[in-house]
Amino acid sequence: MDKRIRKPAAAHEPERVSLGELIHRHVRLAIETAVHEELRAALGTSPYERTEVRRGYRNGIKARTLTGPTGPVALSVPRATLFNVAGAREWTSAIIPSTRPMLMPPTSRTRPSSARGPSAARAR
């Protein structure tokens, strides 16, 4: 073979991706698409569309991380301001849970046990 003719490196070889990474890509795409459609319905218009029925405006995106059975998934969630007769408020998605901290840690919500252990009450 002539030294001047070279096969381009990885010209026909697909990028190797793990199954977990492939799942995360599709999960992220599905969630982001659903959230964008939810926002479009809340605003009453598509992006850049000018109509009289517009109920608010998009104003950027924010990064969110959802943790599911396949691990954490990084998302780009749109932000928007909705207007009504009471005034302006920030739009929140019903699809993605809020990031409010829990009031009590999970261990505090369980039933209190005896300080000496469960068998101490029977030993008396």
Protein backbone atom coordinates (compact mmCIF):
# COMPACT_ATOMS: atom_id res chain seq x y z
CA MET A 1 0.00 0.00 0.00
CA ASP A 2 1.27 3.47 -0.83
CA LYS A 3 2.39 5.55 2.19
CA ARG A 4 0.61 8.63 0.84
CA ILE A 5 -2.84 7.05 1.04
CA ARG A 6 -4.09 7.06 4.59
CA LYS A 7 -7.35 5.90 6.02
CA PRO A 8 -8.90 8.67 8.14
CA ALA A 9 -8.81 7.75 11.81
CA ALA A 10 -12.20 6.46 12.96
CA ALA A 11 -13.98 7.63 9.81
CA HIS A 12 -16.53 4.83 9.81
CA GLU A 13 -16.33 3.64 13.40
CA PRO A 14 -19.17 4.82 15.64
CA GLU A 15 -18.32 6.33 19.01
CA ARG A 16 -18.40 3.71 21.72
CA VAL A 17 -20.89 4.62 24.43
CA SER A 18 -21.86 2.61 27.48
CA LEU A 19 -25.46 1.48 27.89
CA GLY A 20 -25.84 3.63 31.02
CA GLU A 21 -24.69 6.76 29.19
CA LEU A 22 -27.06 6.01 26.32
CA ILE A 23 -29.97 5.60 28.75
CA HIS A 24 -29.10 8.90 30.48
CA ARG A 25 -29.01 10.75 27.14
CA HIS A 26 -32.47 9.51 26.18
CA VAL A 27 -33.94 10.10 29.65
CA ARG A 28 -32.56 13.66 29.67
CA LEU A 29 -33.93 14.34 26.19
CA ALA A 30 -37.39 12.97 27.07
CA ILE A 31 -37.64 14.98 30.32
CA GLU A 32 -36.38 18.22 28.75
CA THR A 33 -38.82 17.85 25.83
CA ALA A 34 -41.74 17.26 28.20
CA VAL A 35 -40.80 20.29 30.35
CA HIS A 36 -40.48 22.55 27.29
CA GLU A 37 -43.92 21.41 26.08
CA GLU A 38 -45.35 22.03 29.55
CA LEU A 39 -43.93 25.58 29.52
CA ARG A 40 -45.21 26.19 25.99
CA ALA A 41 -48.72 25.25 27.16
CA ALA A 42 -48.41 27.46 30.27
CA LEU A 43 -47.30 30.48 28.21
CA GLY A 44 -49.86 29.88 25.48
CA THR A 45 -47.26 30.43 22.73
CA SER A 46 -44.16 28.95 21.17
CA PRO A 47 -40.74 30.57 21.63
CA TYR A 48 -40.40 33.88 19.71
CA GLU A 49 -44.10 33.88 18.85
CA ARG A 50 -45.87 37.22 19.33
CA THR A 51 -49.59 36.95 20.11
CA GLU A 52 -52.20 38.63 22.27
CA VAL A 53 -52.80 35.43 24.27
CA ARG A 54 -49.25 35.26 25.66
CA ARG A 55 -49.39 34.71 29.45
CA GLY A 56 -45.73 35.33 30.26
CA TYR A 57 -42.14 35.28 29.03
CA ARG A 58 -39.24 32.84 29.02
CA ASN A 59 -36.16 34.09 30.83
CA GLY A 60 -33.30 31.64 30.49
CA ILE A 61 -32.53 28.18 31.80
CA LYS A 62 -31.25 26.69 35.03
CA ALA A 63 -29.27 23.54 35.63
CA ARG A 64 -30.94 20.82 37.68
CA THR A 65 -29.88 17.32 38.63
CA LEU A 66 -32.42 14.54 39.05
CA THR A 67 -31.40 11.31 40.71
CA GLY A 68 -33.25 8.21 39.59
CA PRO A 69 -32.73 4.46 39.50
CA THR A 70 -30.05 4.84 36.81
CA GLY A 71 -28.15 7.55 38.72
CA PRO A 72 -28.01 11.35 38.50
CA VAL A 73 -29.15 13.04 35.28
CA ALA A 74 -28.12 16.65 34.55
CA LEU A 75 -30.95 18.71 33.04
CA SER A 76 -31.38 22.18 31.55
CA VAL A 77 -34.76 23.41 32.77
CA PRO A 78 -36.31 26.54 31.22
CA ARG A 79 -37.27 29.49 33.40
CA ALA A 80 -40.26 31.74 32.80
CA THR A 81 -42.33 34.48 34.39
CA LEU A 82 -46.11 34.14 34.21
CA PHE A 83 -48.46 37.12 34.46
CA ASN A 84 -52.00 37.14 35.80
CA VAL A 85 -54.32 39.62 37.54
CA ALA A 86 -52.52 39.09 40.87
CA GLY A 87 -49.13 39.95 39.35
CA ALA A 88 -46.04 38.13 38.13
CA ARG A 89 -44.79 34.82 39.47
CA GLU A 90 -42.05 32.40 38.49
CA TRP A 91 -43.20 29.32 36.59
CA THR A 92 -42.47 25.92 38.16
CA SER A 93 -42.73 22.60 36.38
CA ALA A 94 -45.20 20.01 37.59
CA ILE A 95 -43.09 17.28 35.98
CA ILE A 96 -39.88 17.92 37.93
CA PRO A 97 -40.12 17.86 41.75
CA SER A 98 -39.16 20.99 43.64
CA THR A 99 -35.79 21.25 45.37
CA ARG A 100 -37.16 22.40 48.70
CA PRO A 101 -35.24 20.85 51.60
CA MET A 102 -37.08 18.42 53.83
CA LEU A 103 -38.16 19.87 57.15
CA MET A 104 -37.04 16.86 59.13
CA PRO A 105 -34.39 14.29 58.24
CA PRO A 106 -35.76 10.77 57.58
CA THR A 107 -34.41 9.41 60.87
CA SER A 108 -36.43 11.97 62.88
CA ARG A 109 -39.70 10.85 61.30
CA THR A 110 -39.43 7.28 62.53
CA ARG A 111 -40.97 6.08 65.75
CA PRO A 112 -38.70 6.81 68.74
CA SER A 113 -37.19 3.74 70.34
CA SER A 114 -36.14 3.15 73.92
CA ALA A 115 -32.75 4.58 74.86
CA ARG A 116 -31.64 1.20 76.20
CA GLY A 117 -32.79 -0.78 73.15
CA PRO A 118 -35.93 -2.74 72.25
CA SER A 119 -35.25 -5.68 74.59
CA ALA A 120 -34.64 -3.52 77.70
CA ALA A 121 -38.37 -3.05 78.32
CA ARG A 122 -38.98 -6.83 78.36
CA ALA A 123 -36.05 -7.52 80.72
CA ARG A 124 -37.67 -5.73 83.65
